[in-house]
Every structure is written in C-alpha cells, then in structure tokens.
PDB file of N, CA and C in Angstrom:
ATOM      1  N   MET A   1       0.847  -1.172   0.000  1.00  0.00           N
ATOM      2  CA  MET A   1       0.000   0.000   0.000  1.00  0.00           C
ATOM      3  C   MET A   1       0.899   1.244   0.000  1.00  0.00           C
ATOM      4  N   GLU A   2       0.517   2.246  -0.769  1.00  0.00           N
ATOM      5  CA  GLU A   2       1.320   3.454  -0.898  1.00  0.00           C
ATOM      6  C   GLU A   2       0.884   4.524   0.104  1.00  0.00           C
ATOM      7  N   GLU A   3       1.761   5.499   0.313  1.00  0.00           N
ATOM      8  CA  GLU A   3       1.489   6.568   1.272  1.00  0.00           C
ATOM      9  C   GLU A   3       0.257   7.373   0.877  1.00  0.00           C
ATOM     10  N   ARG A   4       0.048   7.603  -0.406  1.00  0.00           N
ATOM     11  CA  ARG A   4      -1.092   8.429  -0.829  1.00  0.00           C
ATOM     12  C   ARG A   4      -2.432   7.765  -0.525  1.00  0.00           C
ATOM     13  N   ASP A   5      -2.451   6.452  -0.248  1.00  0.00           N
ATOM     14  CA  ASP A   5      -3.687   5.775   0.141  1.00  0.00           C
ATOM     15  C   ASP A   5      -4.131   6.161   1.551  1.00  0.00           C
ATOM     16  N   PHE A   6      -3.213   6.704   2.354  1.00  0.00           N
ATOM     17  CA  PHE A   6      -3.521   7.086   3.730  1.00  0.00           C
ATOM     18  C   PHE A   6      -4.061   8.510   3.841  1.00  0.00           C
ATOM     19  N   PHE A   7      -3.990   9.300   2.759  1.00  0.00           N
ATOM     20  CA  PHE A   7      -4.313  10.725   2.824  1.00  0.00           C
ATOM     21  C   PHE A   7      -5.355  11.127   1.789  1.00  0.00           C
ATOM     22  N   ASP A   8      -6.139  12.176   2.144  1.00  0.00           N
ATOM     23  CA  ASP A   8      -6.997  12.882   1.197  1.00  0.00           C
ATOM     24  C   ASP A   8      -6.224  14.126   0.777  1.00  0.00           C
ATOM     25  N   GLU A   9      -6.118  14.354  -0.520  1.00  0.00           N
ATOM     26  CA  GLU A   9      -5.288  15.439  -1.041  1.00  0.00           C
ATOM     27  C   GLU A   9      -6.155  16.465  -1.754  1.00  0.00           C
ATOM     28  N   ARG A  10      -5.904  17.766  -1.456  1.00  0.00           N
ATOM     29  CA  ARG A  10      -6.626  18.827  -2.157  1.00  0.00           C
ATOM     30  C   ARG A  10      -5.762  20.085  -2.182  1.00  0.00           C
ATOM     31  N   PRO A  11      -5.897  20.899  -3.234  1.00  0.00           N
ATOM     32  CA  PRO A  11      -5.124  22.148  -3.307  1.00  0.00           C
ATOM     33  C   PRO A  11      -5.763  23.236  -2.437  1.00  0.00           C
ATOM     34  N   GLU A  12      -4.927  24.147  -1.970  1.00  0.00           N
ATOM     35  CA  GLU A  12      -5.402  25.241  -1.130  1.00  0.00           C
ATOM     36  C   GLU A  12      -4.477  26.439  -1.330  1.00  0.00           C
ATOM     37  N   GLN A  13      -5.045  27.645  -1.268  1.00  0.00           N
ATOM     38  CA  GLN A  13      -4.240  28.860  -1.386  1.00  0.00           C
ATOM     39  C   GLN A  13      -4.224  29.582  -0.052  1.00  0.00           C
ATOM     40  N   ARG A  14      -3.028  30.066   0.308  1.00  0.00           N
ATOM     41  CA  ARG A  14      -2.876  30.840   1.535  1.00  0.00           C
ATOM     42  C   ARG A  14      -2.112  32.114   1.221  1.00  0.00           C
ATOM     43  N   THR A  15      -2.416  33.165   1.950  1.00  0.00           N
ATOM     44  CA  THR A  15      -1.781  34.458   1.736  1.00  0.00           C
ATOM     45  C   THR A  15      -0.592  34.611   2.680  1.00  0.00           C
ATOM     46  N   HIS A  16       0.543  35.031   2.126  1.00  0.00           N
ATOM     47  CA  HIS A  16       1.750  35.281   2.907  1.00  0.00           C
ATOM     48  C   HIS A  16       2.320  36.635   2.501  1.00  0.00           C
ATOM     49  N   VAL A  17       2.904  37.338   3.456  1.00  0.00           N
ATOM     50  CA  VAL A  17       3.557  38.616   3.182  1.00  0.00           C
ATOM     51  C   VAL A  17       5.033  38.338   2.918  1.00  0.00           C
ATOM     52  N   MET A  18       5.509  38.756   1.735  1.00  0.00           N
ATOM     53  CA  MET A  18       6.908  38.546   1.360  1.00  0.00           C
ATOM     54  C   MET A  18       7.479  39.836   0.796  1.00  0.00           C
ATOM     55  N   THR A  19       8.808  39.924   0.818  1.00  0.00           N
ATOM     56  CA  THR A  19       9.519  41.087   0.299  1.00  0.00           C
ATOM     57  C   THR A  19      10.333  40.675  -0.913  1.00  0.00           C
ATOM     58  N   CYS A  20      10.233  41.433  -1.984  1.00  0.00           N
ATOM     59  CA  CYS A  20      11.009  41.171  -3.198  1.00  0.00           C
ATOM     60  C   CYS A  20      12.485  41.476  -2.912  1.00  0.00           C
ATOM     61  N   PRO A  21      13.399  40.544  -3.199  1.00  0.00           N
ATOM     62  CA  PRO A  21      14.822  40.805  -2.945  1.00  0.00           C
ATOM     63  C   PRO A  21      15.434  41.794  -3.936  1.00  0.00           C
ATOM     64  N   HIS A  22      14.784  42.046  -5.072  1.00  0.00           N
ATOM     65  CA  HIS A  22      15.327  42.941  -6.091  1.00  0.00           C
ATOM     66  C   HIS A  22      14.987  44.404  -5.803  1.00  0.00           C
ATOM     67  N   CYS A  23      13.706  44.683  -5.544  1.00  0.00           N
ATOM     68  CA  CYS A  23      13.286  46.080  -5.341  1.00  0.00           C
ATOM     69  C   CYS A  23      13.001  46.401  -3.875  1.00  0.00           C
ATOM     70  N   GLY A  24      12.825  45.384  -3.031  1.00  0.00           N
ATOM     71  CA  GLY A  24      12.598  45.602  -1.602  1.00  0.00           C
ATOM     72  C   GLY A  24      11.171  45.926  -1.228  1.00  0.00           C
ATOM     73  N   GLN A  25      10.243  45.837  -2.176  1.00  0.00           N
ATOM     74  CA  GLN A  25       8.848  46.153  -1.882  1.00  0.00           C
ATOM     75  C   GLN A  25       8.159  44.936  -1.273  1.00  0.00           C
ATOM     76  N   GLN A  26       7.366  45.205  -0.238  1.00  0.00           N
ATOM     77  CA  GLN A  26       6.650  44.153   0.457  1.00  0.00           C
ATOM     78  C   GLN A  26       5.254  44.012  -0.131  1.00  0.00           C
ATOM     79  N   GLY A  27       4.748  42.781  -0.184  1.00  0.00           N
ATOM     80  CA  GLY A  27       3.417  42.568  -0.720  1.00  0.00           C
ATOM     81  C   GLY A  27       2.835  41.250  -0.261  1.00  0.00           C
ATOM     82  N   GLU A  28       1.520  41.110  -0.421  1.00  0.00           N
ATOM     83  CA  GLU A  28       0.844  39.865  -0.076  1.00  0.00           C
ATOM     84  C   GLU A  28       0.769  38.993  -1.318  1.00  0.00           C
ATOM     85  N   TYR A  29       1.185  37.748  -1.178  1.00  0.00           N
ATOM     86  CA  TYR A  29       1.220  36.814  -2.297  1.00  0.00           C
ATOM     87  C   TYR A  29       0.405  35.578  -1.953  1.00  0.00           C
ATOM     88  N   GLN A  30      -0.344  35.087  -2.935  1.00  0.00           N
ATOM     89  CA  GLN A  30      -1.103  33.854  -2.793  1.00  0.00           C
ATOM     90  C   GLN A  30      -0.176  32.691  -3.127  1.00  0.00           C
ATOM     91  N   ILE A  31       0.045  31.807  -2.168  1.00  0.00           N
ATOM     92  CA  ILE A  31       0.909  30.650  -2.383  1.00  0.00           C
ATOM     93  C   ILE A  31       0.038  29.406  -2.433  1.00  0.00           C
ATOM     94  N   GLU A  32       0.279  28.588  -3.425  1.00  0.00           N
ATOM     95  CA  GLU A  32      -0.480  27.353  -3.638  1.00  0.00           C
ATOM     96  C   GLU A  32       0.135  26.233  -2.794  1.00  0.00           C
ATOM     97  N   TRP A  33      -0.698  25.560  -2.017  1.00  0.00           N
ATOM     98  CA  TRP A  33      -0.275  24.437  -1.184  1.00  0.00           C
ATOM     99  C   TRP A  33      -1.090  23.205  -1.559  1.00  0.00           C
ATOM    100  N   VAL A  34      -0.514  22.031  -1.368  1.00  0.00           N
ATOM    101  CA  VAL A  34      -1.245  20.773  -1.469  1.00  0.00           C
ATOM    102  C   VAL A  34      -1.413  20.281  -0.039  1.00  0.00           C
ATOM    103  N   VAL A  35      -2.658  20.191   0.418  1.00  0.00           N
ATOM    104  CA  VAL A  35      -2.940  19.778   1.792  1.00  0.00           C
ATOM    105  C   VAL A  35      -3.275  18.295   1.777  1.00  0.00           C
ATOM    106  N   ARG A  36      -2.518  17.532   2.547  1.00  0.00           N
ATOM    107  CA  ARG A  36      -2.740  16.084   2.656  1.00  0.00           C
ATOM    108  C   ARG A  36      -3.193  15.784   4.079  1.00  0.00           C
ATOM    109  N   ARG A  37      -4.490  15.492   4.210  1.00  0.00           N
ATOM    110  CA  ARG A  37      -5.066  15.189   5.520  1.00  0.00           C
ATOM    111  C   ARG A  37      -5.201  13.678   5.678  1.00  0.00           C
ATOM    112  N   LYS A  38      -4.843  13.206   6.848  1.00  0.00           N
ATOM    113  CA  LYS A  38      -4.902  11.773   7.143  1.00  0.00           C
ATOM    114  C   LYS A  38      -6.358  11.316   7.157  1.00  0.00           C
ATOM    115  N   LYS A  39      -6.619  10.191   6.530  1.00  0.00           N
ATOM    116  CA  LYS A  39      -7.974   9.642   6.504  1.00  0.00           C
ATOM    117  C   LYS A  39      -8.375   9.170   7.896  1.00  0.00           C
ATOM    118  N   ALA A  40      -9.674   9.111   8.138  1.00  0.00           N
ATOM    119  CA  ALA A  40     -10.180   8.712   9.450  1.00  0.00           C
ATOM    120  C   ALA A  40      -9.942   7.233   9.723  1.00  0.00           C
ATOM    121  N   GLN A  41     -10.010   6.418   8.668  1.00  0.00           N
ATOM    122  CA  GLN A  41      -9.829   4.978   8.847  1.00  0.00           C
ATOM    123  C   GLN A  41      -8.788   4.460   7.878  1.00  0.00           C
ATOM    124  N   LEU A  42      -8.167   3.375   8.274  1.00  0.00           N
ATOM    125  CA  LEU A  42      -7.194   2.698   7.432  1.00  0.00           C
ATOM    126  C   LEU A  42      -7.914   2.062   6.243  1.00  0.00           C
ATOM    127  N   PRO A  43      -7.396   2.218   5.021  1.00  0.00           N
ATOM    128  CA  PRO A  43      -8.032   1.594   3.857  1.00  0.00           C
ATOM    129  C   PRO A  43      -8.040   0.066   3.963  1.00  0.00           C
ATOM    130  N   ARG A  44      -8.954  -0.543   3.252  1.00  0.00           N
ATOM    131  CA  ARG A  44      -9.064  -2.009   3.274  1.00  0.00           C
ATOM    132  C   ARG A  44      -7.843  -2.661   2.650  1.00  0.00           C
ATOM    133  N   GLY A  45      -7.593  -3.892   3.059  1.00  0.00           N
ATOM    134  CA  GLY A  45      -6.495  -4.660   2.482  1.00  0.00           C
ATOM    135  C   GLY A  45      -5.140  -4.324   3.071  1.00  0.00           C
ATOM    136  N   ALA A  46      -5.116  -3.724   4.255  1.00  0.00           N
ATOM    137  CA  ALA A  46      -3.844  -3.336   4.872  1.00  0.00           C
ATOM    138  C   ALA A  46      -3.313  -4.473   5.742  1.00  0.00           C
ATOM    139  N   ASP A  47      -1.993  -4.654   5.707  1.00  0.00           N
ATOM    140  CA  ASP A  47      -1.367  -5.662   6.559  1.00  0.00           C
ATOM    141  C   ASP A  47      -0.792  -4.983   7.810  1.00  0.00           C
ATOM    142  N   ASP A  48      -0.041  -5.729   8.620  1.00  0.00           N
ATOM    143  CA  ASP A  48       0.493  -5.186   9.876  1.00  0.00           C
ATOM    144  C   ASP A  48       1.461  -4.036   9.640  1.00  0.00           C
ATOM    145  N   ARG A  49       2.274  -4.139   8.610  1.00  0.00           N
ATOM    146  CA  ARG A  49       3.233  -3.071   8.316  1.00  0.00           C
ATOM    147  C   ARG A  49       2.503  -1.784   7.918  1.00  0.00           C
ATOM    148  N   ASP A  50       1.430  -1.921   7.134  1.00  0.00           N
ATOM    149  CA  ASP A  50       0.637  -0.753   6.741  1.00  0.00           C
ATOM    150  C   ASP A  50      -0.064  -0.124   7.944  1.00  0.00           C
ATOM    151  N   ARG A  51      -0.528  -0.948   8.878  1.00  0.00           N
ATOM    152  CA  ARG A  51      -1.167  -0.419  10.089  1.00  0.00           C
ATOM    153  C   ARG A  51      -0.179   0.413  10.909  1.00  0.00           C
ATOM    154  N   ALA A  52       1.057  -0.051  11.004  1.00  0.00           N
ATOM    155  CA  ALA A  52       2.081   0.689  11.749  1.00  0.00           C
ATOM    156  C   ALA A  52       2.395   2.014  11.051  1.00  0.00           C
ATOM    157  N   ARG A  53       2.497   2.006   9.728  1.00  0.00           N
ATOM    158  CA  ARG A  53       2.764   3.235   8.973  1.00  0.00           C
ATOM    159  C   ARG A  53       1.605   4.218   9.103  1.00  0.00           C
ATOM    160  N   PHE A  54       0.367   3.703   9.088  1.00  0.00           N
ATOM    161  CA  PHE A  54      -0.811   4.562   9.209  1.00  0.00           C
ATOM    162  C   PHE A  54      -0.876   5.198  10.598  1.00  0.00           C
ATOM    163  N   ALA A  55      -0.494   4.455  11.632  1.00  0.00           N
ATOM    164  CA  ALA A  55      -0.515   4.993  12.993  1.00  0.00           C
ATOM    165  C   ALA A  55       0.472   6.148  13.141  1.00  0.00           C
ATOM    166  N   LYS A  56       1.596   6.111  12.432  1.00  0.00           N
ATOM    167  CA  LYS A  56       2.615   7.161  12.523  1.00  0.00           C
ATOM    168  C   LYS A  56       2.338   8.341  11.594  1.00  0.00           C
ATOM    169  N   ALA A  57       1.457   8.175  10.637  1.00  0.00           N
ATOM    170  CA  ALA A  57       1.209   9.216   9.631  1.00  0.00           C
ATOM    171  C   ALA A  57       0.560  10.448  10.264  1.00  0.00           C
ATOM    172  N   GLN A  58       0.943  11.645   9.755  1.00  0.00           N
ATOM    173  CA  GLN A  58       0.381  12.919  10.202  1.00  0.00           C
ATOM    174  C   GLN A  58      -0.102  13.708   8.994  1.00  0.00           C
ATOM    175  N   SER A  59      -1.068  14.581   9.223  1.00  0.00           N
ATOM    176  CA  SER A  59      -1.518  15.489   8.167  1.00  0.00           C
ATOM    177  C   SER A  59      -0.442  16.542   7.932  1.00  0.00           C
ATOM    178  N   TYR A  60      -0.259  16.935   6.656  1.00  0.00           N
ATOM    179  CA  TYR A  60       0.764  17.927   6.343  1.00  0.00           C
ATOM    180  C   TYR A  60       0.425  18.671   5.065  1.00  0.00           C
ATOM    181  N   MET A  61       1.171  19.772   4.813  1.00  0.00           N
ATOM    182  CA  MET A  61       0.999  20.585   3.613  1.00  0.00           C
ATOM    183  C   MET A  61       2.329  20.642   2.874  1.00  0.00           C
ATOM    184  N   VAL A  62       2.259  20.638   1.533  1.00  0.00           N
ATOM    185  CA  VAL A  62       3.443  20.765   0.687  1.00  0.00           C
ATOM    186  C   VAL A  62       3.245  21.992  -0.194  1.00  0.00           C
ATOM    187  N   ARG A  63       4.262  22.858  -0.242  1.00  0.00           N
ATOM    188  CA  ARG A  63       4.178  24.077  -1.055  1.00  0.00           C
ATOM    189  C   ARG A  63       4.387  23.735  -2.529  1.00  0.00           C
ATOM    190  N   ARG A  64       3.485  24.212  -3.396  1.00  0.00           N
ATOM    191  CA  ARG A  64       3.603  23.963  -4.837  1.00  0.00           C
ATOM    192  C   ARG A  64       4.321  25.090  -5.553  1.00  0.00           C
ATOM    193  N   ASP A  65       4.007  26.339  -5.195  1.00  0.00           N
ATOM    194  CA  ASP A  65       4.598  27.497  -5.870  1.00  0.00           C
ATOM    195  C   ASP A  65       5.975  27.764  -5.290  1.00  0.00           C
ATOM    196  N   ASP A  66       6.995  27.706  -6.121  1.00  0.00           N
ATOM    197  CA  ASP A  66       8.330  28.031  -5.640  1.00  0.00           C
ATOM    198  C   ASP A  66       8.761  29.412  -6.117  1.00  0.00           C
ATOM    199  N   PRO A  67       8.800  29.697  -7.426  1.00  0.00           N
ATOM    200  CA  PRO A  67       9.140  31.068  -7.836  1.00  0.00           C
ATOM    201  C   PRO A  67       7.880  31.947  -7.870  1.00  0.00           C
ATOM    202  N   MET A  68       8.029  33.187  -7.408  1.00  0.00           N
ATOM    203  CA  MET A  68       6.928  34.146  -7.412  1.00  0.00           C
ATOM    204  C   MET A  68       7.334  35.344  -8.255  1.00  0.00           C
ATOM    205  N   GLY A  69       6.370  36.050  -8.810  1.00  0.00           N
ATOM    206  CA  GLY A  69       6.629  37.269  -9.569  1.00  0.00           C
ATOM    207  C   GLY A  69       6.337  38.486  -8.714  1.00  0.00           C
ATOM    208  N   CYS A  70       7.238  39.449  -8.726  1.00  0.00           N
ATOM    209  CA  CYS A  70       7.069  40.672  -7.933  1.00  0.00           C
ATOM    210  C   CYS A  70       5.826  41.426  -8.413  1.00  0.00           C
ATOM    211  N   LYS A  71       5.088  41.999  -7.458  1.00  0.00           N
ATOM    212  CA  LYS A  71       3.865  42.728  -7.801  1.00  0.00           C
ATOM    213  C   LYS A  71       4.125  44.188  -8.147  1.00  0.00           C
ATOM    214  N   ASN A  72       5.349  44.661  -7.931  1.00  0.00           N
ATOM    215  CA  ASN A  72       5.715  46.028  -8.285  1.00  0.00           C
ATOM    216  C   ASN A  72       5.746  46.133  -9.807  1.00  0.00           C
ATOM    217  N   ILE A  73       5.021  47.084 -10.373  1.00  0.00           N
ATOM    218  CA  ILE A  73       4.905  47.213 -11.830  1.00  0.00           C
ATOM    219  C   ILE A  73       6.257  47.497 -12.470  1.00  0.00           C
ATOM    220  N   ARG A  74       7.103  48.267 -11.793  1.00  0.00           N
ATOM    221  CA  ARG A  74       8.418  48.598 -12.360  1.00  0.00           C
ATOM    222  C   ARG A  74       9.417  47.451 -12.242  1.00  0.00           C
ATOM    223  N   CYS A  75       9.199  46.512 -11.346  1.00  0.00           N
ATOM    224  CA  CYS A  75      10.159  45.426 -11.117  1.00  0.00           C
ATOM    225  C   CYS A  75       9.745  44.163 -11.886  1.00  0.00           C
ATOM    226  N   ARG A  76       8.673  43.529 -11.480  1.00  0.00           N
ATOM    227  CA  ARG A  76       8.119  42.321 -12.107  1.00  0.00           C
ATOM    228  C   ARG A  76       9.102  41.154 -12.224  1.00  0.00           C
ATOM    229  N   LYS A  77      10.195  41.177 -11.463  1.00  0.00           N
ATOM    230  CA  LYS A  77      11.177  40.088 -11.534  1.00  0.00           C
ATOM    231  C   LYS A  77      10.693  38.904 -10.711  1.00  0.00           C
ATOM    232  N   ARG A  78      11.138  37.721 -11.103  1.00  0.00           N
ATOM    233  CA  ARG A  78      10.777  36.504 -10.386  1.00  0.00           C
ATOM    234  C   ARG A  78      11.788  36.264  -9.274  1.00  0.00           C
ATOM    235  N   PHE A  79      11.281  35.767  -8.134  1.00  0.00           N
ATOM    236  CA  PHE A  79      12.164  35.437  -7.016  1.00  0.00           C
ATOM    237  C   PHE A  79      11.666  34.167  -6.343  1.00  0.00           C
ATOM    238  N   ASP A  80      12.590  33.472  -5.685  1.00  0.00           N
ATOM    239  CA  ASP A  80      12.250  32.240  -4.986  1.00  0.00           C
ATOM    240  C   ASP A  80      11.634  32.561  -3.631  1.00  0.00           C
ATOM    241  N   VAL A  81      10.744  31.700  -3.202  1.00  0.00           N
ATOM    242  CA  VAL A  81      10.103  31.852  -1.905  1.00  0.00           C
ATOM    243  C   VAL A  81      11.095  31.385  -0.840  1.00  0.00           C
ATOM    244  N   VAL A  82      11.480  32.286   0.052  1.00  0.00           N
ATOM    245  CA  VAL A  82      12.372  31.937   1.160  1.00  0.00           C
ATOM    246  C   VAL A  82      11.701  32.345   2.465  1.00  0.00           C
ATOM    247  N   GLY A  83      12.036  31.664   3.527  1.00  0.00           N
ATOM    248  CA  GLY A  83      11.459  31.984   4.826  1.00  0.00           C
ATOM    249  C   GLY A  83      10.160  31.256   5.114  1.00  0.00           C
ATOM    250  N   ILE A  84       9.642  30.533   4.149  1.00  0.00           N
ATOM    251  CA  ILE A  84       8.426  29.742   4.343  1.00  0.00           C
ATOM    252  C   ILE A  84       8.789  28.296   4.047  1.00  0.00           C
ATOM    253  N   GLN A  85       8.506  27.420   4.980  1.00  0.00           N
ATOM    254  CA  GLN A  85       8.869  26.019   4.815  1.00  0.00           C
ATOM    255  C   GLN A  85       8.168  25.416   3.610  1.00  0.00           C
ATOM    256  N   SER A  86       8.824  24.444   2.982  1.00  0.00           N
ATOM    257  CA  SER A  86       8.205  23.779   1.840  1.00  0.00           C
ATOM    258  C   SER A  86       7.258  22.670   2.294  1.00  0.00           C
ATOM    259  N   VAL A  87       7.483  22.122   3.492  1.00  0.00           N
ATOM    260  CA  VAL A  87       6.594  21.114   4.076  1.00  0.00           C
ATOM    261  C   VAL A  87       6.251  21.572   5.483  1.00  0.00           C
ATOM    262  N   ALA A  88       4.960  21.593   5.818  1.00  0.00           N
ATOM    263  CA  ALA A  88       4.527  22.010   7.153  1.00  0.00           C
ATOM    264  C   ALA A  88       3.500  21.014   7.676  1.00  0.00           C
ATOM    265  N   PHE A  89       3.713  20.543   8.902  1.00  0.00           N
ATOM    266  CA  PHE A  89       2.756  19.631   9.520  1.00  0.00           C
ATOM    267  C   PHE A  89       1.589  20.425  10.083  1.00  0.00           C
ATOM    268  N   ILE A  90       0.405  19.856   9.987  1.00  0.00           N
ATOM    269  CA  ILE A  90      -0.816  20.531  10.450  1.00  0.00           C
ATOM    270  C   ILE A  90      -1.124  20.070  11.861  1.00  0.00           C
TER     271      ILE A  90
END
C-alpha cells in the first residue's frame, strides 16, 4: 500500500507577506499548497506493516509554488520563496 492511500489530497491557497529581494517592496502573495489530511480509517487490504505506517502518519501541507513574480509594476522580476517552509505539519 502506498502513502497516498492514507491521505486525502486537495489544493489550497494561503496568503503570505513577502519582500522582493530585487526592489525591496513588500506585498501579499497567494501561495499554492497541497494539503494532505490523514484519513479517518485505514483503507481495506492493509497488513500489519501498513497499520504501523498509518498509525505514525500525520496530516501535512506541501508548497507547490516556488518562484513568485514581484507585484511592483516597475520590477516584475521573479524570485524564490524563502522563509516559508516547503513542508509544514498541520
């Protein structure tokens, strides 16, 4: 059984305040996350090893958007998202 069988997956957008490293302007950016929530029950056909893995599993989020575009009209340069974890446990 694979790890994705233990989770329900859906996309979600969250707002974060970031500063452009090129122009220094601060702005609110919508970052796309994939939220993986642990299912309430273990799927059918699981053996003892799968039960142990399911017991240890936690809900978590994975960041999808890595490069962002600056919102300043004069700058518009792309920059990497720093300061925000790429994986966060819920």
